[in-house]
Protein backbone atom coordinates (compact mmCIF):
# COMPACT_ATOMS: atom_id res chain seq x y z
CA MET A 1 124.25 87.11 72.00
CA ARG A 2 120.99 88.41 73.41
CA GLU A 3 119.64 91.37 75.35
CA LEU A 4 117.23 91.76 78.22
CA ASN A 5 115.73 95.17 77.49
CA VAL A 6 114.01 97.04 80.27
CA GLU A 7 112.22 99.46 78.01
CA ALA A 8 110.30 101.26 80.75
CA LEU A 9 110.45 100.90 84.51
CA ALA A 10 106.88 100.28 85.63
CA ARG A 11 105.26 101.56 88.83
CA VAL A 12 108.01 104.08 89.50
CA GLU A 13 108.46 107.75 88.68
CA GLY A 14 110.26 109.06 85.58
CA ASP A 15 111.24 107.69 82.18
CA GLY A 16 113.95 105.05 82.18
CA GLY A 17 114.95 101.58 81.11
CA ILE A 18 117.53 98.84 81.64
CA THR A 19 119.65 97.04 79.09
CA VAL A 20 121.30 93.73 79.99
CA THR A 21 123.64 92.40 77.30
CA LEU A 22 124.28 88.66 77.54
CA GLU A 23 126.76 86.38 75.78
CA GLY A 24 125.82 82.82 76.49
CA LYS A 25 125.58 82.58 80.26
CA LYS A 26 127.81 85.60 80.77
CA VAL A 27 126.57 89.09 81.48
CA LYS A 28 128.55 91.53 79.38
CA SER A 29 126.98 94.69 80.78
CA VAL A 30 124.03 96.09 82.69
CA THR A 31 123.01 99.72 82.27
CA LEU A 32 120.18 101.61 83.92
CA ASP A 33 119.22 104.15 81.29
CA VAL A 34 117.42 107.35 82.26
CA HIS A 35 115.93 108.90 79.14
CA GLU A 36 114.44 112.08 80.58
CA GLY A 37 116.36 115.15 79.48
CA PRO A 38 118.02 117.45 82.01
CA ARG A 39 115.42 119.69 83.68
CA LEU A 40 117.98 122.36 84.64
CA ILE A 41 116.14 123.31 87.85
CA GLU A 42 119.41 124.11 89.60
CA GLN A 43 120.06 126.70 86.92
CA LEU A 44 116.48 127.98 86.83
CA VAL A 45 116.59 129.08 90.47
CA ARG A 46 119.78 131.12 90.10
CA GLY A 47 118.93 134.77 90.70
CA MET A 48 115.71 133.91 92.53
CA THR A 49 114.97 134.87 96.10
CA PRO A 50 114.95 132.01 98.60
CA ALA A 51 111.17 132.31 98.90
CA ASP A 52 110.73 131.94 95.14
CA ASP A 53 113.11 128.98 95.15
CA LEU A 54 110.70 127.14 97.46
CA ASN A 55 107.96 127.54 94.85
CA VAL A 56 110.08 125.89 92.16
CA ILE A 57 112.22 123.23 93.83
CA PRO A 58 109.44 120.91 95.11
CA ARG A 59 108.22 120.50 91.52
CA ILE A 60 111.08 118.05 91.08
CA CYS A 61 108.80 115.38 92.56
CA ALA A 62 105.09 115.20 93.40
CA ILE A 63 105.55 112.18 95.67
CA CYS A 64 108.43 113.54 97.77
CA THR A 65 107.31 117.15 97.48
CA LEU A 66 107.68 117.83 101.21
CA SER A 67 111.10 116.19 101.40
CA HIS A 68 112.36 118.54 98.69
CA ARG A 69 110.75 121.53 100.35
CA TYR A 70 112.14 120.60 103.77
CA ALA A 71 115.67 119.93 102.46
CA ALA A 72 115.58 123.30 100.68
CA ILE A 73 114.31 125.07 103.80
CA ARG A 74 117.07 123.55 105.93
CA GLY A 75 119.77 124.59 103.48
CA LEU A 76 118.36 128.08 103.00
CA GLU A 77 117.91 128.67 106.72
CA LYS A 78 121.54 127.77 107.33
CA ALA A 79 122.66 130.11 104.58
CA LEU A 80 120.50 132.97 105.86
CA GLY A 81 121.19 132.47 109.56
CA VAL A 82 117.57 131.63 110.42
CA ALA A 83 116.82 129.86 113.71
CA PRO A 84 113.37 128.23 113.32
CA PRO A 85 111.18 128.08 116.46
CA GLU A 86 110.64 124.75 118.18
CA LYS A 87 107.01 124.51 117.10
CA ALA A 88 108.10 124.86 113.48
CA GLN A 89 110.62 122.05 113.86
CA LEU A 90 108.02 119.77 115.45
CA THR A 91 105.46 120.54 112.74
CA ARG A 92 108.07 119.73 110.12
CA GLU A 93 108.64 116.39 111.83
CA LEU A 94 104.90 115.75 111.63
CA MET A 95 104.74 116.51 107.91
CA MET A 96 107.65 114.15 107.25
CA LEU A 97 105.92 111.37 109.20
CA GLY A 98 102.88 111.87 106.99
CA GLU A 99 104.92 111.75 103.79
CA ASN A 100 106.70 108.60 104.96
CA ILE A 101 103.37 106.85 105.59
CA GLU A 102 101.93 108.01 102.26
CA SER A 103 104.92 106.91 100.20
CA ASN A 104 105.80 103.69 102.02
CA SER A 105 102.20 102.45 101.97
CA LEU A 106 102.04 103.08 98.23
CA HIS A 107 105.30 101.28 97.52
CA THR A 108 105.00 98.27 99.81
CA PHE A 109 101.40 97.31 99.13
CA MET A 110 100.74 98.62 95.64
CA LEU A 111 104.06 98.48 93.82
CA ALA A 112 106.24 95.79 95.41
CA LEU A 113 103.79 93.26 96.85
CA PRO A 114 102.33 92.06 93.50
CA ASP A 115 105.80 90.83 92.49
CA PHE A 116 106.12 88.64 95.57
CA LEU A 117 102.60 87.22 95.37
CA GLY A 118 102.63 86.56 91.63
CA TYR A 119 100.19 89.21 90.43
CA PRO A 120 100.67 91.74 87.64
CA SER A 121 99.24 94.61 89.71
CA ALA A 122 97.52 95.55 92.95
CA ILE A 123 94.19 95.61 91.11
CA ALA A 124 94.68 91.97 90.15
CA MET A 125 95.17 91.15 93.86
CA LEU A 126 91.71 92.38 94.86
CA ASN A 127 89.93 89.02 94.82
CA ASP A 128 92.51 87.29 97.00
CA TYR A 129 94.03 90.19 98.95
CA GLY A 130 91.22 92.74 98.93
CA GLU A 131 91.57 93.61 102.61
CA ASP A 132 95.29 94.27 102.21
CA VAL A 133 94.65 96.61 99.29
CA LYS A 134 92.04 98.43 101.37
CA ARG A 135 94.54 98.76 104.23
CA ALA A 136 97.04 100.29 101.85
CA LEU A 137 94.51 102.83 100.64
CA ARG A 138 93.56 103.75 104.22
CA LEU A 139 97.18 104.30 105.18
CA LYS A 140 97.95 106.30 102.05
CA LYS A 141 94.85 108.46 102.52
CA PHE A 142 95.89 109.21 106.09
CA GLY A 143 99.44 110.09 105.07
CA ASN A 144 98.05 112.43 102.42
CA HIS A 145 95.81 114.04 105.05
CA VAL A 146 98.75 114.74 107.37
CA MET A 147 100.64 116.25 104.42
CA ALA A 148 97.66 118.45 103.54
CA VAL A 149 97.16 119.63 107.12
CA THR A 150 100.79 120.61 107.56
CA SER A 151 101.61 121.91 104.09
CA GLY A 152 98.28 123.33 102.91
CA ARG A 153 97.45 120.70 100.29
CA ILE A 154 98.33 117.14 99.37
CA VAL A 155 100.81 118.01 96.61
CA HIS A 156 103.13 121.02 96.49
CA GLY A 157 101.78 122.71 99.59
CA GLU A 158 103.13 126.22 100.24
CA ASN A 159 102.57 126.38 104.00
CA PRO A 160 106.08 125.34 105.18
CA ILE A 161 108.27 128.42 104.72
CA ILE A 162 111.66 129.72 105.75
CA GLY A 163 111.46 130.51 109.45
CA GLY A 164 108.29 128.57 110.22
CA PHE A 165 104.82 128.01 108.77
CA GLY A 166 102.24 130.28 107.22
CA LYS A 167 99.63 128.64 109.45
CA TYR A 168 99.90 125.98 112.14
CA PRO A 169 97.34 123.18 112.53
CA ASN A 170 94.92 123.79 115.39
CA LYS A 171 94.40 121.51 118.37
CA LYS A 172 91.15 120.02 117.05
CA VAL A 173 92.81 118.88 113.83
CA LEU A 174 95.84 117.57 115.71
CA ASP A 175 93.61 115.57 118.06
CA GLU A 176 91.85 114.02 115.07
CA ILE A 177 95.20 113.03 113.55
CA LYS A 178 96.30 111.52 116.86
CA ALA A 179 93.17 109.39 117.09
CA LYS A 180 93.34 108.24 113.47
CA SER A 181 97.02 107.28 113.68
CA LYS A 182 96.30 105.01 116.66
CA GLU A 183 93.40 103.45 114.78
CA LEU A 184 95.63 102.60 111.81
CA ILE A 185 98.48 100.96 113.73
CA PRO A 186 97.00 97.43 113.28
CA ASP A 187 96.98 98.03 109.51
CA ALA A 188 100.69 98.88 109.60
CA ILE A 189 101.45 95.85 111.76
CA ARG A 190 99.67 93.68 109.17
CA ASP A 191 101.95 95.19 106.52
CA VAL A 192 105.04 94.26 108.52
CA GLU A 193 103.82 90.73 109.20
CA LEU A 194 102.90 90.22 105.57
CA PHE A 195 106.29 91.36 104.26
CA ALA A 196 108.10 89.35 106.92
CA SER A 197 106.30 86.21 105.72
CA LEU A 198 107.42 86.61 102.11
CA LYS A 199 110.21 84.61 100.48
CA TYR A 200 113.06 86.90 99.44
CA PRO A 201 115.13 85.67 96.48
CA THR A 202 118.88 85.76 97.16
CA TYR A 203 120.25 86.07 93.63
CA SER A 204 121.13 89.74 94.05
CA GLU A 205 122.82 89.47 97.45
CA ALA A 206 126.19 91.14 98.02
CA GLU A 207 127.89 93.17 100.73
CA MET A 208 126.48 96.70 100.84
CA VAL A 209 127.45 100.11 102.21
CA PHE A 210 124.61 102.16 103.69
CA MET A 211 124.27 105.92 104.25
CA SER A 212 121.61 107.95 106.06
CA VAL A 213 121.25 111.13 108.04
CA ASN A 214 122.05 111.00 111.73
CA ALA A 215 118.87 112.16 113.47
CA PRO A 216 119.67 114.32 116.52
CA ASN A 217 119.54 113.25 120.17
CA LYS A 218 120.23 109.59 119.33
CA GLN A 219 116.69 109.23 118.00
CA TYR A 220 115.29 107.72 114.81
CA GLY A 221 114.23 110.39 112.37
CA PHE A 222 114.27 111.95 108.93
CA ALA A 223 116.53 115.00 109.23
CA GLY A 224 119.98 115.79 110.63
CA ASP A 225 123.21 117.67 110.18
CA THR A 226 125.56 114.71 109.89
CA ILE A 227 125.59 111.58 107.74
CA LEU A 228 126.04 108.08 109.15
CA ILE A 229 127.89 105.46 107.11
CA SER A 230 127.58 101.78 107.91
CA ASN A 231 131.39 101.50 108.10
CA GLY A 232 131.19 103.42 111.38
CA LYS A 233 132.13 106.84 110.01
CA GLU A 234 130.16 110.06 110.43
CA THR A 235 130.45 113.14 108.21
CA SER A 236 128.96 116.64 108.22
CA VAL A 237 126.25 117.21 105.62
CA GLU A 238 128.29 120.20 104.47
CA ASP A 239 130.83 117.68 103.18
CA TYR A 240 128.20 115.86 101.12
CA LYS A 241 130.29 116.08 97.94
CA THR A 242 132.96 113.83 99.46
CA LEU A 243 130.25 111.20 100.01
CA THR A 244 128.36 111.42 96.73
CA ASN A 245 131.13 112.20 94.21
CA GLU A 246 128.70 112.76 91.35
CA ARG A 247 129.74 111.85 87.84
CA VAL A 248 128.20 111.61 84.38
CA VAL A 249 127.74 108.36 82.44
CA THR A 250 127.16 108.04 78.70
CA HIS A 251 123.99 105.93 78.85
CA SER A 252 121.94 108.16 81.16
CA PHE A 253 120.96 111.76 81.78
CA ALA A 254 121.00 111.03 85.53
CA LYS A 255 124.28 111.51 87.33
CA ARG A 256 125.80 108.73 89.43
CA SER A 257 127.41 108.61 92.85
CA LEU A 258 130.23 106.52 94.31
CA PHE A 259 131.66 106.52 97.82
CA GLN A 260 135.34 105.64 97.90
CA ASP A 261 134.94 104.40 94.30
CA LYS A 262 132.22 101.93 95.26
CA PRO A 263 128.41 101.93 95.01
CA PHE A 264 126.34 102.55 98.13
CA THR A 265 122.70 102.47 99.17
CA VAL A 266 120.34 105.00 100.71
CA GLY A 267 116.72 104.44 101.74
CA ALA A 268 114.66 102.74 104.43
CA ASN A 269 117.02 99.76 104.71
CA ALA A 270 119.98 102.12 105.15
CA ARG A 271 118.12 104.01 107.87
CA MET A 272 117.36 100.74 109.65
CA ILE A 273 120.93 99.52 109.44
CA ASN A 274 122.28 102.81 110.82
CA MET A 275 119.57 103.76 113.33
CA ALA A 276 117.41 100.73 114.12
CA ARG A 277 118.65 100.54 117.71
CA ARG A 278 116.91 103.89 118.21
CA LEU A 279 113.50 102.51 117.29
CA ASP A 280 110.91 102.12 120.02
CA GLY A 281 107.41 100.74 120.46
CA GLN A 282 106.08 97.89 118.36
CA ALA A 283 108.31 98.92 115.45
CA ALA A 284 111.36 98.13 117.59
CA ASP A 285 109.87 94.80 118.65
CA LEU A 286 109.13 93.75 115.09
CA PHE A 287 112.54 94.84 113.84
CA GLU A 288 114.17 92.75 116.56
CA LYS A 289 111.97 89.82 115.60
CA TYR A 290 112.62 89.90 111.86
CA TYR A 291 116.10 91.35 111.44
CA ASP A 292 118.87 89.05 110.27
CA GLU A 293 122.16 89.39 108.42
CA SER A 294 120.46 89.19 105.03
CA TRP A 295 119.44 92.84 105.55
CA LEU A 296 123.10 93.71 105.06
CA ARG A 297 123.23 91.98 101.66
CA ASN A 298 119.79 91.74 100.09
CA PRO A 299 118.31 94.92 98.54
CA LEU A 300 114.84 93.33 98.53
CA LYS A 301 114.74 93.74 102.32
CA ASN A 302 114.17 97.44 101.71
CA ASN A 303 110.50 96.52 101.36
CA LEU A 304 110.31 95.08 104.87
CA ALA A 305 112.29 98.04 106.22
CA GLN A 306 109.74 100.42 104.69
CA ALA A 307 106.91 98.52 106.36
CA ILE A 308 108.55 98.72 109.80
CA GLU A 309 109.35 102.39 109.28
CA MET A 310 105.73 103.15 108.37
CA LEU A 311 104.63 101.55 111.64
CA TRP A 312 107.18 103.64 113.55
CA SER A 313 105.85 106.80 111.87
CA LEU A 314 102.29 106.00 112.90
CA GLU A 315 103.38 105.29 116.47
CA HIS A 316 105.19 108.63 116.70
CA ILE A 317 102.46 110.83 115.32
CA PRO A 318 100.40 111.07 118.57
CA GLU A 319 103.33 112.32 120.66
CA THR A 320 104.43 114.69 117.90
CA CYS A 321 100.91 116.12 117.67
CA ARG A 322 100.83 116.58 121.43
CA HIS A 323 104.11 118.50 121.37
CA VAL A 324 102.98 120.69 118.47
CA ALA A 325 99.75 121.54 120.31
CA SER A 326 101.62 122.44 123.53
CA PHE A 327 103.19 125.57 121.95
CA ASP A 328 101.59 128.86 121.05
CA ASP A 329 101.96 129.85 117.41
CA PRO A 330 105.33 131.63 117.12
CA PRO A 331 106.23 134.47 114.76
CA ILE A 332 108.14 133.58 111.61
CA ALA A 333 111.90 133.66 112.25
CA LYS A 334 113.68 136.21 110.06
CA PRO A 335 117.02 136.00 108.21
CA THR A 336 120.00 137.55 109.96
CA ARG A 337 122.15 137.93 106.83
CA GLU A 338 121.94 138.18 103.06
CA ASN A 339 125.06 136.20 102.20
CA GLY A 340 125.92 132.64 103.14
CA SER A 341 126.01 128.97 102.25
CA GLY A 342 124.18 125.99 103.65
CA THR A 343 123.31 122.35 102.99
CA GLY A 344 120.06 120.74 104.01
CA ALA A 345 119.83 116.96 104.26
CA VAL A 346 116.64 115.01 104.92
CA GLU A 347 115.54 111.42 104.55
CA ALA A 348 113.01 111.29 101.76
CA PRO A 349 111.15 107.96 101.70
CA ARG A 350 113.62 106.75 99.04
CA GLY A 351 116.75 107.93 100.87
CA THR A 352 119.01 110.84 101.67
CA LEU A 353 118.26 114.06 99.79
CA TYR A 354 120.68 116.99 99.67
CA HIS A 355 119.93 120.64 98.84
CA HIS A 356 122.87 123.05 98.90
CA TYR A 357 122.65 126.81 98.36
CA ASP A 358 125.05 129.73 98.05
CA ILE A 359 123.29 133.07 98.56
CA LYS A 360 124.71 136.47 97.63
CA ASN A 361 122.95 139.76 98.27
CA GLY A 362 119.73 137.98 99.16
CA VAL A 363 119.40 135.90 95.98
CA ILE A 364 120.54 132.41 95.03
CA ASP A 365 123.94 132.35 93.35
CA HIS A 366 124.31 128.55 93.20
CA ALA A 367 122.14 125.51 93.90
CA ASP A 368 123.07 121.83 94.02
CA ILE A 369 120.55 119.01 94.50
CA ILE A 370 121.42 115.33 94.83
CA THR A 371 118.48 112.94 94.96
CA PRO A 372 118.30 109.46 96.53
CA THR A 373 117.84 107.63 93.23
CA ALA A 374 120.94 109.30 91.77
CA GLN A 375 122.88 107.83 94.69
CA ASN A 376 121.30 104.38 94.33
CA LEU A 377 121.68 103.92 90.57
CA ASP A 378 125.12 102.30 90.65
CA ASP A 379 124.07 99.85 93.35
CA ILE A 380 120.89 99.00 91.42
CA GLU A 381 123.01 98.11 88.40
CA ARG A 382 125.41 96.08 90.56
CA HIS A 383 122.66 94.00 92.15
CA MET A 384 120.87 93.49 88.85
CA THR A 385 124.13 92.24 87.32
CA LEU A 386 124.54 89.71 90.12
CA CYS A 387 120.92 88.65 89.80
CA ALA A 388 121.24 88.05 86.05
CA GLU A 389 124.55 86.18 86.38
CA ARG A 390 123.34 83.84 89.10
CA MET A 391 120.00 83.09 87.50
CA LEU A 392 121.68 82.37 84.18
CA ALA A 393 124.11 80.02 85.92
CA GLU A 394 121.11 78.06 87.22
CA ASP A 395 119.52 77.95 83.76
CA LYS A 396 116.50 79.92 84.87
CA LYS A 397 113.86 80.61 82.28
CA ASP A 398 113.71 84.02 80.67
CA GLU A 399 110.45 84.79 82.44
CA GLU A 400 112.03 84.07 85.82
CA ILE A 401 115.04 86.24 85.03
CA ARG A 402 112.72 88.99 83.92
CA LEU A 403 110.84 88.92 87.22
CA GLY A 404 114.09 88.79 89.19
CA LEU A 405 115.33 91.95 87.50
CA GLU A 406 112.00 93.68 88.06
CA MET A 407 112.02 92.88 91.77
CA VAL A 408 115.53 94.22 92.26
CA ALA A 409 114.73 97.44 90.42
CA ARG A 410 111.48 98.04 92.28
CA ALA A 411 112.96 97.21 95.69
CA TYR A 412 114.85 100.51 95.59
CA ASP A 413 111.56 102.34 94.93
CA PRO A 414 113.31 104.50 92.31
CA CYS A 415 111.86 107.77 91.04
CA ILE A 416 111.63 106.91 87.34
CA SER A 417 108.16 107.28 85.82
CA CYS A 418 105.12 105.11 85.49
CA ALA A 419 104.72 102.93 82.43
CA THR A 420 102.95 99.72 81.59
CA HIS A 421 105.92 97.39 81.29
CA LEU A 422 109.24 96.83 83.06
CA VAL A 423 111.31 94.13 81.35
CA THR A 424 110.92 92.76 77.84
CA LEU A 425 113.21 90.04 76.57
CA LYS A 426 114.86 90.48 73.19
CA ARG A 427 116.97 87.75 71.62
CA ILE A 428 119.64 88.56 69.05
């Protein structure tokens, strides 16, 4: 008997590992182990005002800080009966486009690409793929800039608030963002073309179920009030518990989710499967060119989906900026009640994020947060199990199996923290 121990997931956020127990060529078990202790944020915000909650909740993640803030705002506004002005909604769309570009450029170029090209890191790629690394840095810098302009700073900005924004970006800044986004579109197209040219291993392939928000008005987007499921069903975000069905497992501090007793996937690939026909521009053209049925089975295609989505975000920034600039700055919308419940759902770069709140007498009585990675964990384990079984059946070397497991884990872009190593092989 032997074990493949994933002692620390590299190039992702958080502290976790994977243990694969093997008996001959049979996989006895695969567990994705999250070692970080419970942070108890849902309990910490009880008794806080909604405004104070917004100062605490985004600290869950420094990469998806605006997704957490936006999901919280949407849930709190529902609970408080707040109707945000149109300019606020458009500016929120802009900040989410920026976060998508920032996160997807980081993951595709810097974290996932080295695996496909046979390098240990993006730094090691510099001699051969220096221009691609520079493109990634340009895109990430621009995404960070959009986040800073809309939220007040790159990380944990306080500008988006319940009922609107503390300050709206002025026309001069919006025009600069418009011009820069157009300038960077060729960089994003290069990302798509590069990821479309890669060879995607098929060891982990299996039928998948995908979930994502249903953006309003039959458009592609990152927020909505209903959830689309790839089986054709649609459910209100207020019924999120019937979709996620959280449970505890013994080998991890992170909860798990099953839909109808089966794993499911959220993320860029899920958004493409459910909403790709709503894409437009060059992103739509490239999706049509490169989509095939393997997207329905291969989790590695999430990388290509992220690249196409980043291009779509860049293409939509100019029009979004124009719409934001067309409105005068509105007053902040005020709550109409002190008691209520509401669920906010947004598409963080890694997938659907839920924030639910019950408010009594103007303070938070209950909070519930379900992150994308918590929903993906069971499917990650399932695809890693298949990968290990099939590679063992073909007598692949340990080093090849190790890389296969790494690629599956990283394809989901999980939020489990940076370390120096992903998989180490231990024989017993």
